[in-house]
């Protein structure tokens, strides 16, 4: 049996918390072809591409002391995970 590359797909309606699912491709399988197939499937379900020029940018900043670098990095990852889950 071949080696697998695993990744996650996140999808949903803008403004709602999305869904995620795992998928795996055999090494050497063309991920771009797979992504095209997923995009066509989603378009058939009524989803549409977004014009990235019309999207808003969200910047989250907070201060921390130099001796809090490790805690700040952990917080950054937690916030990033939450934003990815909620916003896609």
N, C-alpha and C. Protein backbone atom coordinates (compact mmCIF):
# COMPACT_ATOMS: atom_id res chain seq x y z
N UNK A 1 0.85 -1.18 0.00
CA UNK A 1 0.00 0.00 0.00
C UNK A 1 0.89 1.23 0.00
N UNK A 2 0.50 2.31 -0.70
CA UNK A 2 1.31 3.51 -0.84
C UNK A 2 1.25 4.41 0.38
N UNK A 3 2.11 5.41 0.38
CA UNK A 3 2.10 6.42 1.44
C UNK A 3 1.00 7.43 1.14
N UNK A 4 0.42 8.00 2.20
CA UNK A 4 -0.67 8.94 2.06
C UNK A 4 -0.24 10.31 2.58
N UNK A 5 -0.69 11.36 1.92
CA UNK A 5 -0.56 12.72 2.41
C UNK A 5 -1.94 13.13 2.89
N UNK A 6 -2.04 13.54 4.15
CA UNK A 6 -3.35 13.90 4.69
C UNK A 6 -3.42 15.40 4.86
N UNK A 7 -4.59 15.95 4.59
CA UNK A 7 -4.83 17.39 4.75
C UNK A 7 -6.27 17.57 5.17
N UNK A 8 -6.68 18.83 5.37
CA UNK A 8 -8.05 19.12 5.78
C UNK A 8 -8.67 20.12 4.82
N UNK A 9 -9.94 19.96 4.59
CA UNK A 9 -10.73 20.90 3.79
C UNK A 9 -11.67 21.62 4.75
N UNK A 10 -11.76 22.93 4.61
CA UNK A 10 -12.69 23.71 5.43
C UNK A 10 -13.66 24.38 4.48
N UNK A 11 -14.96 24.31 4.79
CA UNK A 11 -15.95 24.89 3.90
C UNK A 11 -17.15 25.33 4.71
N UNK A 12 -17.94 26.22 4.14
CA UNK A 12 -19.15 26.68 4.79
C UNK A 12 -19.63 27.98 4.20
N UNK A 13 -20.66 28.53 4.81
CA UNK A 13 -21.26 29.78 4.38
C UNK A 13 -20.60 30.93 5.12
N UNK A 14 -20.28 31.98 4.40
CA UNK A 14 -19.66 33.16 5.02
C UNK A 14 -20.57 33.66 6.13
N UNK A 15 -20.00 33.91 7.30
CA UNK A 15 -20.76 34.39 8.44
C UNK A 15 -21.18 33.29 9.39
N UNK A 16 -21.11 32.04 8.96
CA UNK A 16 -21.44 30.90 9.81
C UNK A 16 -20.18 30.09 10.09
N UNK A 17 -20.18 29.40 11.23
CA UNK A 17 -19.05 28.53 11.51
C UNK A 17 -19.06 27.40 10.50
N UNK A 18 -17.94 27.15 9.87
CA UNK A 18 -17.86 26.16 8.81
C UNK A 18 -17.66 24.75 9.33
N UNK A 19 -17.44 23.87 8.40
CA UNK A 19 -17.17 22.47 8.69
C UNK A 19 -15.80 22.11 8.13
N UNK A 20 -15.21 21.09 8.69
CA UNK A 20 -13.93 20.59 8.20
C UNK A 20 -14.03 19.09 7.99
N UNK A 21 -13.26 18.61 7.04
CA UNK A 21 -13.15 17.17 6.86
C UNK A 21 -11.73 16.86 6.42
N UNK A 22 -11.27 15.69 6.82
CA UNK A 22 -9.94 15.25 6.45
C UNK A 22 -10.02 14.53 5.11
N UNK A 23 -8.95 14.60 4.37
CA UNK A 23 -8.85 13.84 3.14
C UNK A 23 -7.41 13.40 2.98
N UNK A 24 -7.23 12.36 2.23
CA UNK A 24 -5.88 11.83 2.02
C UNK A 24 -5.70 11.54 0.53
N UNK A 25 -4.53 11.88 0.06
CA UNK A 25 -4.14 11.60 -1.32
C UNK A 25 -2.95 10.66 -1.29
N UNK A 26 -2.92 9.72 -2.22
CA UNK A 26 -1.73 8.90 -2.36
C UNK A 26 -0.58 9.80 -2.79
N UNK A 27 0.61 9.54 -2.28
CA UNK A 27 1.75 10.32 -2.71
C UNK A 27 1.86 10.22 -4.22
N UNK A 28 2.05 11.36 -4.85
CA UNK A 28 2.12 11.40 -6.30
C UNK A 28 0.80 11.73 -6.95
N UNK A 29 -0.31 11.59 -6.20
CA UNK A 29 -1.61 11.95 -6.74
C UNK A 29 -1.67 13.47 -6.84
N UNK A 30 -2.27 13.99 -7.89
CA UNK A 30 -2.27 15.42 -8.17
C UNK A 30 -3.31 16.14 -7.30
N UNK A 31 -2.84 16.92 -6.33
CA UNK A 31 -3.72 17.65 -5.42
C UNK A 31 -4.51 18.72 -6.17
N UNK A 32 -3.92 19.32 -7.19
CA UNK A 32 -4.63 20.35 -7.94
C UNK A 32 -5.85 19.77 -8.66
N UNK A 33 -5.71 18.59 -9.22
CA UNK A 33 -6.84 17.92 -9.88
C UNK A 33 -7.92 17.64 -8.84
N UNK A 34 -7.52 17.15 -7.68
CA UNK A 34 -8.47 16.85 -6.62
C UNK A 34 -9.20 18.13 -6.18
N UNK A 35 -8.46 19.24 -6.01
CA UNK A 35 -9.07 20.50 -5.60
C UNK A 35 -10.06 21.01 -6.65
N UNK A 36 -9.75 20.83 -7.92
CA UNK A 36 -10.67 21.22 -8.99
C UNK A 36 -11.97 20.43 -8.88
N UNK A 37 -11.86 19.14 -8.61
CA UNK A 37 -13.05 18.30 -8.46
C UNK A 37 -13.89 18.76 -7.27
N UNK A 38 -13.24 19.09 -6.16
CA UNK A 38 -13.96 19.57 -4.98
C UNK A 38 -14.63 20.91 -5.29
N UNK A 39 -13.92 21.81 -5.99
CA UNK A 39 -14.48 23.11 -6.34
C UNK A 39 -15.72 22.94 -7.23
N UNK A 40 -15.66 22.05 -8.19
CA UNK A 40 -16.81 21.80 -9.07
C UNK A 40 -17.98 21.24 -8.27
N UNK A 41 -17.68 20.35 -7.33
CA UNK A 41 -18.72 19.77 -6.47
C UNK A 41 -19.40 20.87 -5.65
N UNK A 42 -18.60 21.77 -5.08
CA UNK A 42 -19.15 22.84 -4.26
C UNK A 42 -19.94 23.84 -5.10
N UNK A 43 -19.48 24.14 -6.31
CA UNK A 43 -20.22 25.04 -7.20
C UNK A 43 -21.58 24.43 -7.54
N UNK A 44 -21.62 23.11 -7.74
CA UNK A 44 -22.88 22.43 -8.03
C UNK A 44 -23.84 22.51 -6.84
N UNK A 45 -23.29 22.66 -5.62
CA UNK A 45 -24.11 22.78 -4.42
C UNK A 45 -24.54 24.23 -4.18
N UNK A 46 -24.09 25.15 -5.05
CA UNK A 46 -24.51 26.54 -4.92
C UNK A 46 -23.46 27.48 -4.36
N UNK A 47 -22.29 26.98 -4.00
CA UNK A 47 -21.23 27.85 -3.51
C UNK A 47 -20.62 28.60 -4.68
N UNK A 48 -20.04 29.76 -4.41
CA UNK A 48 -19.43 30.57 -5.46
C UNK A 48 -18.06 31.05 -4.98
N UNK A 49 -17.18 31.32 -5.94
CA UNK A 49 -15.87 31.88 -5.61
C UNK A 49 -16.05 33.30 -5.08
N UNK A 50 -15.17 33.68 -4.16
CA UNK A 50 -15.17 35.04 -3.63
C UNK A 50 -14.09 35.84 -4.32
N UNK A 51 -14.39 37.09 -4.59
CA UNK A 51 -13.38 38.00 -5.11
C UNK A 51 -12.56 38.49 -3.91
N UNK A 52 -11.33 38.05 -3.81
CA UNK A 52 -10.51 38.38 -2.64
C UNK A 52 -10.29 39.88 -2.49
N UNK A 53 -10.38 40.64 -3.57
CA UNK A 53 -10.22 42.09 -3.48
C UNK A 53 -11.37 42.74 -2.72
N UNK A 54 -12.51 42.06 -2.62
CA UNK A 54 -13.68 42.60 -1.94
C UNK A 54 -13.78 42.15 -0.48
N UNK A 55 -12.84 41.34 -0.02
CA UNK A 55 -12.86 40.83 1.35
C UNK A 55 -12.21 41.82 2.30
N UNK A 56 -12.59 41.75 3.55
CA UNK A 56 -11.99 42.58 4.58
C UNK A 56 -10.84 41.83 5.22
N UNK A 57 -9.84 42.57 5.66
CA UNK A 57 -8.71 41.98 6.37
C UNK A 57 -8.91 42.20 7.86
N UNK A 58 -8.73 41.15 8.62
CA UNK A 58 -8.86 41.21 10.07
C UNK A 58 -7.47 41.06 10.68
N UNK A 59 -7.08 42.03 11.49
CA UNK A 59 -5.78 41.99 12.15
C UNK A 59 -6.03 41.97 13.65
N UNK A 60 -5.46 40.99 14.31
CA UNK A 60 -5.58 40.87 15.77
C UNK A 60 -4.20 41.08 16.36
N UNK A 61 -4.09 42.06 17.25
CA UNK A 61 -2.81 42.36 17.89
C UNK A 61 -3.01 42.46 19.39
N UNK A 62 -2.02 42.06 20.12
CA UNK A 62 -2.02 42.25 21.57
C UNK A 62 -0.57 42.35 22.02
N UNK A 63 -0.38 43.00 23.13
CA UNK A 63 0.99 43.21 23.62
C UNK A 63 1.37 42.10 24.61
N UNK A 64 2.66 41.92 24.76
CA UNK A 64 3.20 40.96 25.72
C UNK A 64 4.61 41.39 26.08
N UNK A 65 5.06 40.95 27.22
CA UNK A 65 6.40 41.25 27.67
C UNK A 65 7.39 40.27 27.05
N UNK A 66 8.64 40.68 26.98
CA UNK A 66 9.67 39.84 26.35
C UNK A 66 9.78 38.48 27.01
N UNK A 67 9.58 38.42 28.32
CA UNK A 67 9.69 37.14 29.02
C UNK A 67 8.44 36.27 28.87
N UNK A 68 7.44 36.74 28.13
CA UNK A 68 6.20 36.00 27.90
C UNK A 68 6.11 35.46 26.47
N UNK A 69 7.24 35.34 25.80
CA UNK A 69 7.25 34.95 24.40
C UNK A 69 6.60 33.59 24.17
N UNK A 70 6.91 32.61 24.99
CA UNK A 70 6.34 31.27 24.80
C UNK A 70 4.82 31.29 24.98
N UNK A 71 4.33 31.97 26.02
CA UNK A 71 2.89 32.07 26.25
C UNK A 71 2.22 32.84 25.11
N UNK A 72 2.88 33.88 24.62
CA UNK A 72 2.32 34.66 23.52
C UNK A 72 2.21 33.82 22.25
N UNK A 73 3.20 32.98 22.00
CA UNK A 73 3.16 32.12 20.83
C UNK A 73 2.03 31.08 20.95
N UNK A 74 1.86 30.52 22.14
CA UNK A 74 0.76 29.58 22.37
C UNK A 74 -0.59 30.27 22.16
N UNK A 75 -0.71 31.49 22.68
CA UNK A 75 -1.95 32.24 22.51
C UNK A 75 -2.19 32.54 21.04
N UNK A 76 -1.14 32.92 20.34
CA UNK A 76 -1.26 33.22 18.90
C UNK A 76 -1.80 32.01 18.15
N UNK A 77 -1.25 30.83 18.43
CA UNK A 77 -1.71 29.62 17.75
C UNK A 77 -3.16 29.30 18.11
N UNK A 78 -3.52 29.49 19.37
CA UNK A 78 -4.90 29.22 19.79
C UNK A 78 -5.88 30.17 19.10
N UNK A 79 -5.52 31.44 19.03
CA UNK A 79 -6.38 32.42 18.37
C UNK A 79 -6.46 32.14 16.87
N UNK A 80 -5.33 31.80 16.26
CA UNK A 80 -5.31 31.48 14.84
C UNK A 80 -6.20 30.26 14.54
N UNK A 81 -6.11 29.23 15.37
CA UNK A 81 -6.95 28.04 15.19
C UNK A 81 -8.43 28.40 15.30
N UNK A 82 -8.76 29.23 16.30
CA UNK A 82 -10.15 29.65 16.51
C UNK A 82 -10.65 30.45 15.31
N UNK A 83 -9.85 31.39 14.84
CA UNK A 83 -10.26 32.21 13.69
C UNK A 83 -10.41 31.36 12.43
N UNK A 84 -9.51 30.41 12.23
CA UNK A 84 -9.62 29.52 11.07
C UNK A 84 -10.89 28.68 11.15
N UNK A 85 -11.23 28.22 12.35
CA UNK A 85 -12.43 27.40 12.52
C UNK A 85 -13.70 28.23 12.31
N UNK A 86 -13.69 29.45 12.82
CA UNK A 86 -14.89 30.29 12.75
C UNK A 86 -15.02 31.02 11.42
N UNK A 87 -13.91 31.44 10.84
CA UNK A 87 -13.98 32.27 9.64
C UNK A 87 -13.57 31.53 8.36
N UNK A 88 -12.89 30.41 8.52
CA UNK A 88 -12.49 29.65 7.35
C UNK A 88 -11.16 29.99 6.80
